[in-house]
Amino acid sequence: MLVDCVPLVEVEDMMIMGKKPDPKCVFTYVQSLYNHLRRHELRLRGKNV
């Protein structure tokens, strides 16, 4: 919420997957979060310079 990350996977979908989530889904989600947070960090650094 603090960095405005959009949830790609609904809670209900994760509950349906149980203990065996789709690896491609998890990878895509983590990659999306990483890229978003990296851009956020770069914006913050740009403001501090």
PDB file of N, CA and C in Angstrom:
ATOM      1  N   MET A   1       0.826  -1.184   0.000  1.00  0.00           N
ATOM      2  CA  MET A   1       0.000   0.000   0.000  1.00  0.00           C
ATOM      3  C   MET A   1       0.878   1.259   0.000  1.00  0.00           C
ATOM      4  N   LEU A   2       1.983   1.241   0.699  1.00  0.00           N
ATOM      5  CA  LEU A   2       2.838   2.420   0.788  1.00  0.00           C
ATOM      6  C   LEU A   2       3.532   2.760  -0.525  1.00  0.00           C
ATOM      7  N   VAL A   3       3.798   1.765  -1.343  1.00  0.00           N
ATOM      8  CA  VAL A   3       4.485   2.008  -2.610  1.00  0.00           C
ATOM      9  C   VAL A   3       3.586   1.774  -3.812  1.00  0.00           C
ATOM     10  N   ASP A   4       2.289   1.602  -3.572  1.00  0.00           N
ATOM     11  CA  ASP A   4       1.287   1.493  -4.629  1.00  0.00           C
ATOM     12  C   ASP A   4       1.510   0.289  -5.548  1.00  0.00           C
ATOM     13  N   CYS A   5       1.758  -0.886  -4.953  1.00  0.00           N
ATOM     14  CA  CYS A   5       1.892  -2.122  -5.729  1.00  0.00           C
ATOM     15  C   CYS A   5       0.509  -2.695  -5.994  1.00  0.00           C
ATOM     16  N   VAL A   6       0.271  -3.031  -7.224  1.00  0.00           N
ATOM     17  CA  VAL A   6      -1.013  -3.601  -7.609  1.00  0.00           C
ATOM     18  C   VAL A   6      -0.978  -5.109  -7.376  1.00  0.00           C
ATOM     19  N   PRO A   7      -1.947  -5.652  -6.635  1.00  0.00           N
ATOM     20  CA  PRO A   7      -1.961  -7.110  -6.446  1.00  0.00           C
ATOM     21  C   PRO A   7      -2.318  -7.816  -7.750  1.00  0.00           C
ATOM     22  N   LEU A   8      -1.482  -8.732  -8.179  1.00  0.00           N
ATOM     23  CA  LEU A   8      -1.721  -9.474  -9.419  1.00  0.00           C
ATOM     24  C   LEU A   8      -2.511 -10.744  -9.176  1.00  0.00           C
ATOM     25  N   VAL A   9      -2.443 -11.254  -7.964  1.00  0.00           N
ATOM     26  CA  VAL A   9      -3.106 -12.509  -7.642  1.00  0.00           C
ATOM     27  C   VAL A   9      -4.131 -12.231  -6.549  1.00  0.00           C
ATOM     28  N   GLU A  10      -5.350 -12.651  -6.791  1.00  0.00           N
ATOM     29  CA  GLU A  10      -6.408 -12.471  -5.796  1.00  0.00           C
ATOM     30  C   GLU A  10      -6.221 -13.475  -4.656  1.00  0.00           C
ATOM     31  N   VAL A  11      -6.626 -13.074  -3.473  1.00  0.00           N
ATOM     32  CA  VAL A  11      -6.508 -13.951  -2.305  1.00  0.00           C
ATOM     33  C   VAL A  11      -7.254 -15.265  -2.534  1.00  0.00           C
ATOM     34  N   GLU A  12      -8.429 -15.177  -3.134  1.00  0.00           N
ATOM     35  CA  GLU A  12      -9.215 -16.380  -3.390  1.00  0.00           C
ATOM     36  C   GLU A  12      -8.473 -17.357  -4.300  1.00  0.00           C
ATOM     37  N   ASP A  13      -7.778 -16.817  -5.300  1.00  0.00           N
ATOM     38  CA  ASP A  13      -7.012 -17.666  -6.211  1.00  0.00           C
ATOM     39  C   ASP A  13      -5.874 -18.366  -5.480  1.00  0.00           C
ATOM     40  N   MET A  14      -5.212 -17.650  -4.594  1.00  0.00           N
ATOM     41  CA  MET A  14      -4.117 -18.248  -3.827  1.00  0.00           C
ATOM     42  C   MET A  14      -4.661 -19.335  -2.895  1.00  0.00           C
ATOM     43  N   MET A  15      -5.840 -19.112  -2.339  1.00  0.00           N
ATOM     44  CA  MET A  15      -6.445 -20.108  -1.450  1.00  0.00           C
ATOM     45  C   MET A  15      -6.791 -21.383  -2.234  1.00  0.00           C
ATOM     46  N   ILE A  16      -7.263 -21.229  -3.461  1.00  0.00           N
ATOM     47  CA  ILE A  16      -7.598 -22.385  -4.292  1.00  0.00           C
ATOM     48  C   ILE A  16      -6.344 -23.199  -4.608  1.00  0.00           C
ATOM     49  N   MET A  17      -5.224 -22.502  -4.853  1.00  0.00           N
ATOM     50  CA  MET A  17      -3.972 -23.192  -5.180  1.00  0.00           C
ATOM     51  C   MET A  17      -3.444 -23.975  -3.990  1.00  0.00           C
ATOM     52  N   GLY A  18      -3.774 -23.549  -2.797  1.00  0.00           N
ATOM     53  CA  GLY A  18      -3.335 -24.263  -1.593  1.00  0.00           C
ATOM     54  C   GLY A  18      -1.828 -24.247  -1.436  1.00  0.00           C
ATOM     55  N   LYS A  19      -1.277 -25.406  -1.109  1.00  0.00           N
ATOM     56  CA  LYS A  19       0.166 -25.512  -0.865  1.00  0.00           C
ATOM     57  C   LYS A  19       0.963 -25.749  -2.143  1.00  0.00           C
ATOM     58  N   LYS A  20       0.287 -25.805  -3.292  1.00  0.00           N
ATOM     59  CA  LYS A  20       0.960 -26.038  -4.570  1.00  0.00           C
ATOM     60  C   LYS A  20       0.616 -24.923  -5.555  1.00  0.00           C
ATOM     61  N   PRO A  21       1.119 -23.692  -5.316  1.00  0.00           N
ATOM     62  CA  PRO A  21       0.816 -22.616  -6.262  1.00  0.00           C
ATOM     63  C   PRO A  21       1.519 -22.843  -7.599  1.00  0.00           C
ATOM     64  N   ASP A  22       0.954 -22.267  -8.636  1.00  0.00           N
ATOM     65  CA  ASP A  22       1.538 -22.366  -9.967  1.00  0.00           C
ATOM     66  C   ASP A  22       2.874 -21.623  -9.968  1.00  0.00           C
ATOM     67  N   PRO A  23       3.990 -22.303 -10.263  1.00  0.00           N
ATOM     68  CA  PRO A  23       5.309 -21.660 -10.216  1.00  0.00           C
ATOM     69  C   PRO A  23       5.410 -20.440 -11.133  1.00  0.00           C
ATOM     70  N   LYS A  24       4.800 -20.496 -12.307  1.00  0.00           N
ATOM     71  CA  LYS A  24       4.871 -19.357 -13.234  1.00  0.00           C
ATOM     72  C   LYS A  24       4.126 -18.154 -12.659  1.00  0.00           C
ATOM     73  N   CYS A  25       3.020 -18.413 -12.000  1.00  0.00           N
ATOM     74  CA  CYS A  25       2.243 -17.352 -11.378  1.00  0.00           C
ATOM     75  C   CYS A  25       3.048 -16.684 -10.263  1.00  0.00           C
ATOM     76  N   VAL A  26       3.672 -17.489  -9.428  1.00  0.00           N
ATOM     77  CA  VAL A  26       4.481 -16.960  -8.324  1.00  0.00           C
ATOM     78  C   VAL A  26       5.665 -16.180  -8.870  1.00  0.00           C
ATOM     79  N   PHE A  27       6.363 -16.722  -9.867  1.00  0.00           N
ATOM     80  CA  PHE A  27       7.514 -16.042 -10.448  1.00  0.00           C
ATOM     81  C   PHE A  27       7.111 -14.698 -11.041  1.00  0.00           C
ATOM     82  N   THR A  28       6.017 -14.674 -11.790  1.00  0.00           N
ATOM     83  CA  THR A  28       5.544 -13.434 -12.401  1.00  0.00           C
ATOM     84  C   THR A  28       5.211 -12.405 -11.342  1.00  0.00           C
ATOM     85  N   TYR A  29       4.564 -12.839 -10.273  1.00  0.00           N
ATOM     86  CA  TYR A  29       4.179 -11.935  -9.195  1.00  0.00           C
ATOM     87  C   TYR A  29       5.409 -11.353  -8.496  1.00  0.00           C
ATOM     88  N   VAL A  30       6.355 -12.195  -8.154  1.00  0.00           N
ATOM     89  CA  VAL A  30       7.572 -11.730  -7.479  1.00  0.00           C
ATOM     90  C   VAL A  30       8.366 -10.799  -8.385  1.00  0.00           C
ATOM     91  N   GLN A  31       8.471 -11.146  -9.651  1.00  0.00           N
ATOM     92  CA  GLN A  31       9.197 -10.307 -10.603  1.00  0.00           C
ATOM     93  C   GLN A  31       8.522  -8.941 -10.737  1.00  0.00           C
ATOM     94  N   SER A  32       7.210  -8.923 -10.784  1.00  0.00           N
ATOM     95  CA  SER A  32       6.471  -7.667 -10.878  1.00  0.00           C
ATOM     96  C   SER A  32       6.693  -6.810  -9.644  1.00  0.00           C
ATOM     97  N   LEU A  33       6.626  -7.412  -8.463  1.00  0.00           N
ATOM     98  CA  LEU A  33       6.871  -6.661  -7.228  1.00  0.00           C
ATOM     99  C   LEU A  33       8.286  -6.105  -7.189  1.00  0.00           C
ATOM    100  N   TYR A  34       9.266  -6.921  -7.559  1.00  0.00           N
ATOM    101  CA  TYR A  34      10.653  -6.479  -7.556  1.00  0.00           C
ATOM    102  C   TYR A  34      10.846  -5.288  -8.488  1.00  0.00           C
ATOM    103  N   ASN A  35      10.326  -5.391  -9.706  1.00  0.00           N
ATOM    104  CA  ASN A  35      10.483  -4.298 -10.671  1.00  0.00           C
ATOM    105  C   ASN A  35       9.797  -3.026 -10.195  1.00  0.00           C
ATOM    106  N   HIS A  36       8.618  -3.158  -9.630  1.00  0.00           N
ATOM    107  CA  HIS A  36       7.895  -1.987  -9.132  1.00  0.00           C
ATOM    108  C   HIS A  36       8.652  -1.323  -7.982  1.00  0.00           C
ATOM    109  N   LEU A  37       9.124  -2.137  -7.037  1.00  0.00           N
ATOM    110  CA  LEU A  37       9.846  -1.584  -5.893  1.00  0.00           C
ATOM    111  C   LEU A  37      11.175  -0.977  -6.314  1.00  0.00           C
ATOM    112  N   ARG A  38      11.816  -1.570  -7.304  1.00  0.00           N
ATOM    113  CA  ARG A  38      13.087  -1.027  -7.808  1.00  0.00           C
ATOM    114  C   ARG A  38      12.864   0.360  -8.433  1.00  0.00           C
ATOM    115  N   ARG A  39      11.797   0.488  -9.239  1.00  0.00           N
ATOM    116  CA  ARG A  39      11.476   1.795  -9.828  1.00  0.00           C
ATOM    117  C   ARG A  39      11.139   2.808  -8.741  1.00  0.00           C
ATOM    118  N   HIS A  40      10.421   2.373  -7.725  1.00  0.00           N
ATOM    119  CA  HIS A  40      10.067   3.251  -6.606  1.00  0.00           C
ATOM    120  C   HIS A  40      11.333   3.738  -5.901  1.00  0.00           C
ATOM    121  N   GLU A  41      12.267   2.828  -5.655  1.00  0.00           N
ATOM    122  CA  GLU A  41      13.521   3.183  -5.002  1.00  0.00           C
ATOM    123  C   GLU A  41      14.313   4.186  -5.839  1.00  0.00           C
ATOM    124  N   LEU A  42      14.356   3.971  -7.149  1.00  0.00           N
ATOM    125  CA  LEU A  42      15.083   4.892  -8.021  1.00  0.00           C
ATOM    126  C   LEU A  42      14.445   6.280  -8.024  1.00  0.00           C
ATOM    127  N   ARG A  43      13.112   6.340  -7.990  1.00  0.00           N
ATOM    128  CA  ARG A  43      12.424   7.639  -7.909  1.00  0.00           C
ATOM    129  C   ARG A  43      12.771   8.354  -6.613  1.00  0.00           C
ATOM    130  N   LEU A  44      12.803   7.611  -5.506  1.00  0.00           N
ATOM    131  CA  LEU A  44      13.139   8.213  -4.213  1.00  0.00           C
ATOM    132  C   LEU A  44      14.577   8.723  -4.207  1.00  0.00           C
ATOM    133  N   ARG A  45      15.464   7.969  -4.775  1.00  0.00           N
ATOM    134  CA  ARG A  45      16.876   8.409  -4.841  1.00  0.00           C
ATOM    135  C   ARG A  45      17.025   9.648  -5.700  1.00  0.00           C
ATOM    136  N   GLY A  46      16.246   9.716  -6.778  1.00  0.00           N
ATOM    137  CA  GLY A  46      16.291  10.880  -7.660  1.00  0.00           C
ATOM    138  C   GLY A  46      15.832  12.140  -6.960  1.00  0.00           C
ATOM    139  N   LYS A  47      14.867  12.019  -6.067  1.00  0.00           N
ATOM    140  CA  LYS A  47      14.369  13.173  -5.324  1.00  0.00           C
ATOM    141  C   LYS A  47      15.361  13.642  -4.280  1.00  0.00           C
ATOM    142  N   ASN A  48      16.192  12.711  -3.773  1.00  0.00           N
ATOM    143  CA  ASN A  48      17.150  13.050  -2.709  1.00  0.00           C
ATOM    144  C   ASN A  48      18.438  13.634  -3.259  1.00  0.00           C
ATOM    145  N   VAL A  49      18.649  13.548  -4.548  1.00  0.00           N
ATOM    146  CA  VAL A  49      19.908  14.016  -5.144  1.00  0.00           C
ATOM    147  C   VAL A  49      19.891  15.511  -5.325  1.00  0.00           C
TER     148      VAL A  49
END
